[in-house]
Amino acid sequence: MVTPLGPLAWSPVAPVLLHEAVAAVSYSSTRLVVDATFGAGDYSRALLNKLPTSCSVLAMDPIDIPSVAEAAVALTEDDPAGRFTFVQGHFDDILPRLTSLPEAKGLIPPEGVDAFLFDLGESTTQLSKSDRRLSFKEHVNAQLDDEMAGEADWSAVDLVNNLTESQLASLLRQYTDEDWAKRLA
């Protein structure tokens, strides 16, 4: 018997493929699922509601985004059985984190992780937050900012204003599939 956890009160947009993704990793033999892009916690909450009580969910995301911290705390408090564990980190760092963090020790069964869940899309919440400078509505005159965590020592403004045309075209060609890289530079 699975004890349902309540819905996330502040989750403004449900993931598009939430039910399909959860169904894809829900088996009676599932012991551990890693939610590698925790976000607002919708996938983790749905997994805990759907999976047997013998299954745990380990979630990762950068904690420097306040809504992630709030969702992680709320889900931990809503999970009296202790099946949910949150680990701060980016998914590109997942294997070292899973094998070295005290929070993950003892959580991973000898057989390993049963499933990894990654939601690699953008959310309306991310695109509408004015402090992220990604909004299409609110920051007409704001500086360009091309990274989610705000941790880089440089910004898109620095690149556009300081690279030569040739360097900028090369950067666009290397990291995008933009056919017009030279013209854009």
Protein backbone atom coordinates (compact mmCIF):
# COMPACT_ATOMS: atom_id res chain seq x y z
CA MET A 1 0.00 0.00 0.00
CA VAL A 2 1.37 3.39 -0.99
CA THR A 3 0.49 6.35 1.19
CA PRO A 4 -0.19 9.26 -1.16
CA LEU A 5 1.77 12.42 -0.63
CA GLY A 6 -0.08 15.67 -1.20
CA PRO A 7 0.38 17.79 -4.31
CA LEU A 8 3.03 20.48 -4.47
CA ALA A 9 1.27 23.71 -3.61
CA TRP A 10 3.62 25.94 -5.62
CA SER A 11 4.11 23.84 -8.72
CA PRO A 12 2.56 26.15 -11.33
CA VAL A 13 3.13 23.90 -14.35
CA ALA A 14 2.93 20.12 -14.32
CA PRO A 15 5.53 18.38 -16.48
CA VAL A 16 4.03 17.47 -19.85
CA LEU A 17 4.96 13.77 -19.73
CA LEU A 18 4.70 13.28 -15.97
CA HIS A 19 2.41 10.24 -16.01
CA GLU A 20 4.16 8.59 -18.95
CA ALA A 21 7.62 9.06 -17.41
CA VAL A 22 6.53 7.71 -14.04
CA ALA A 23 4.79 4.73 -15.68
CA ALA A 24 7.96 3.97 -17.64
CA VAL A 25 10.03 3.46 -14.47
CA SER A 26 7.37 1.97 -12.20
CA TYR A 27 7.80 -1.75 -11.69
CA SER A 28 6.99 -3.89 -8.70
CA SER A 29 10.71 -4.72 -8.41
CA THR A 30 11.93 -1.10 -8.54
CA ARG A 31 14.11 -0.26 -5.52
CA LEU A 32 15.73 3.08 -6.42
CA VAL A 33 14.95 5.78 -8.96
CA VAL A 34 17.18 8.83 -9.41
CA ASP A 35 15.35 12.02 -10.33
CA ALA A 36 18.31 13.84 -11.85
CA THR A 37 16.46 17.10 -12.53
CA PHE A 38 14.35 17.63 -9.39
CA GLY A 39 13.06 21.15 -10.13
CA ALA A 40 9.74 21.63 -8.34
CA GLY A 41 9.68 17.98 -7.29
CA ASP A 42 6.74 16.86 -9.43
CA TYR A 43 8.44 13.71 -10.72
CA SER A 44 9.80 12.72 -7.29
CA ARG A 45 6.40 13.23 -5.67
CA ALA A 46 4.64 11.23 -8.41
CA LEU A 47 7.22 8.44 -8.16
CA LEU A 48 6.78 8.20 -4.39
CA ASN A 49 3.01 8.03 -4.88
CA LYS A 50 3.18 5.36 -7.59
CA LEU A 51 6.06 3.09 -6.53
CA PRO A 52 5.90 0.44 -3.80
CA THR A 53 6.87 1.54 -0.30
CA SER A 54 10.07 -0.50 -0.64
CA CYS A 55 11.29 1.92 -3.33
CA SER A 56 13.29 5.10 -2.68
CA VAL A 57 13.79 8.23 -4.75
CA LEU A 58 17.10 10.08 -4.79
CA ALA A 59 16.75 13.56 -6.32
CA MET A 60 19.41 15.98 -7.53
CA ASP A 61 19.33 19.62 -8.57
CA PRO A 62 21.29 22.78 -7.83
CA ILE A 63 20.00 24.16 -4.53
CA ASP A 64 20.92 27.74 -5.40
CA ILE A 65 17.52 28.15 -6.98
CA PRO A 66 15.15 29.00 -4.07
CA SER A 67 12.14 27.10 -5.42
CA VAL A 68 14.24 23.90 -5.57
CA ALA A 69 15.23 24.24 -1.92
CA GLU A 70 11.60 24.86 -0.91
CA ALA A 71 10.35 21.86 -2.88
CA ALA A 72 13.08 19.58 -1.46
CA VAL A 73 12.29 20.59 2.12
CA ALA A 74 8.53 20.19 1.57
CA LEU A 75 8.89 16.75 0.02
CA THR A 76 11.25 15.60 2.79
CA GLU A 77 8.70 16.76 5.39
CA ASP A 78 5.84 15.05 3.50
CA ASP A 79 7.73 11.74 3.44
CA PRO A 80 7.65 10.32 6.97
CA ALA A 81 8.84 6.91 5.71
CA GLY A 82 12.18 8.42 4.67
CA ARG A 83 11.98 7.18 1.07
CA PHE A 84 13.05 10.55 -0.39
CA THR A 85 16.61 11.88 -0.34
CA PHE A 86 17.74 15.15 -1.89
CA VAL A 87 21.34 15.74 -2.96
CA GLN A 88 22.60 19.10 -4.14
CA GLY A 89 24.31 18.96 -7.51
CA HIS A 90 24.05 19.12 -11.27
CA PHE A 91 23.19 15.98 -13.21
CA ASP A 92 26.44 16.22 -15.18
CA ASP A 93 28.07 15.36 -11.87
CA ILE A 94 25.75 12.47 -11.04
CA LEU A 95 28.04 9.42 -10.93
CA PRO A 96 30.66 10.92 -8.60
CA ARG A 97 27.88 12.33 -6.40
CA LEU A 98 26.09 9.00 -6.14
CA THR A 99 29.23 7.15 -5.14
CA SER A 100 30.77 9.70 -2.77
CA LEU A 101 28.10 11.59 -0.86
CA PRO A 102 27.13 10.52 2.66
CA GLU A 103 23.45 11.10 1.77
CA ALA A 104 23.69 8.46 -0.96
CA LYS A 105 25.60 5.85 1.08
CA GLY A 106 23.44 2.86 1.91
CA LEU A 107 20.71 4.08 -0.40
CA ILE A 108 22.00 2.40 -3.54
CA PRO A 109 21.19 -1.33 -3.56
CA PRO A 110 23.96 -3.78 -4.54
CA GLU A 111 22.21 -4.28 -7.88
CA GLY A 112 22.49 -0.53 -8.60
CA VAL A 113 20.01 2.13 -9.62
CA ASP A 114 16.88 0.82 -11.33
CA ALA A 115 16.07 3.99 -13.29
CA PHE A 116 17.27 7.51 -13.95
CA LEU A 117 14.72 10.17 -14.79
CA PHE A 118 15.86 13.35 -16.60
CA ASP A 119 13.51 16.17 -17.59
CA LEU A 120 15.68 18.19 -19.94
CA GLY A 121 13.08 20.72 -21.04
CA GLU A 122 12.64 24.33 -20.04
CA SER A 123 9.75 25.24 -17.81
CA THR A 124 7.48 28.25 -17.98
CA THR A 125 8.63 29.06 -14.45
CA GLN A 126 12.28 29.24 -15.55
CA LEU A 127 11.47 31.38 -18.57
CA SER A 128 9.20 33.80 -16.73
CA LYS A 129 11.38 34.60 -13.70
CA SER A 130 12.68 38.09 -14.22
CA ASP A 131 15.70 37.61 -11.93
CA ARG A 132 16.92 34.77 -14.21
CA ARG A 133 17.06 37.25 -17.13
CA LEU A 134 15.53 34.63 -19.39
CA SER A 135 12.09 36.19 -19.54
CA PHE A 136 10.73 37.12 -22.94
CA LYS A 137 8.40 39.67 -21.36
CA GLU A 138 10.09 41.50 -18.53
CA HIS A 139 13.71 42.09 -19.45
CA VAL A 140 13.75 43.96 -22.71
CA ASN A 141 16.67 46.10 -21.53
CA ALA A 142 18.38 43.57 -19.26
CA GLN A 143 21.85 42.16 -19.86
CA LEU A 144 22.09 38.88 -21.72
CA ASP A 145 22.46 35.93 -19.36
CA ASP A 146 22.77 32.52 -20.95
CA GLU A 147 23.15 30.25 -17.96
CA MET A 148 20.63 29.02 -15.44
CA ALA A 149 22.63 29.00 -12.23
CA GLY A 150 24.28 32.43 -12.54
CA GLU A 151 27.63 30.98 -11.44
CA ALA A 152 29.91 31.78 -14.39
CA ASP A 153 32.67 34.40 -14.14
CA TRP A 154 31.55 35.83 -17.49
CA SER A 155 28.25 36.64 -19.14
CA ALA A 156 26.89 36.57 -22.66
CA VAL A 157 27.37 40.36 -22.66
CA ASP A 158 31.10 39.84 -22.04
CA LEU A 159 31.33 37.38 -24.91
CA VAL A 160 29.39 39.50 -27.39
CA ASN A 161 31.29 42.67 -26.50
CA ASN A 162 34.81 41.24 -26.13
CA LEU A 163 35.23 38.41 -28.65
CA THR A 164 36.26 39.17 -32.18
CA GLU A 165 33.78 38.46 -34.95
CA SER A 166 35.78 35.39 -35.91
CA GLN A 167 35.91 34.09 -32.32
CA LEU A 168 32.18 34.65 -31.84
CA ALA A 169 31.36 32.88 -35.12
CA SER A 170 33.58 29.97 -34.08
CA LEU A 171 31.84 29.79 -30.67
CA LEU A 172 28.41 29.77 -32.31
CA ARG A 173 29.45 27.06 -34.78
CA GLN A 174 30.99 24.91 -32.02
CA TYR A 175 28.11 25.02 -29.52
CA THR A 176 25.03 25.42 -31.73
CA ASP A 177 23.76 24.13 -35.01
CA GLU A 178 23.36 27.67 -36.29
CA ASP A 179 23.86 27.83 -40.07
CA TRP A 180 24.22 31.62 -39.98
CA ALA A 181 26.97 31.78 -37.29
CA LYS A 182 29.25 34.06 -39.32
CA ARG A 183 26.42 36.44 -40.24
CA LEU A 184 25.15 36.55 -36.62
CA ALA A 185 28.63 37.23 -35.27
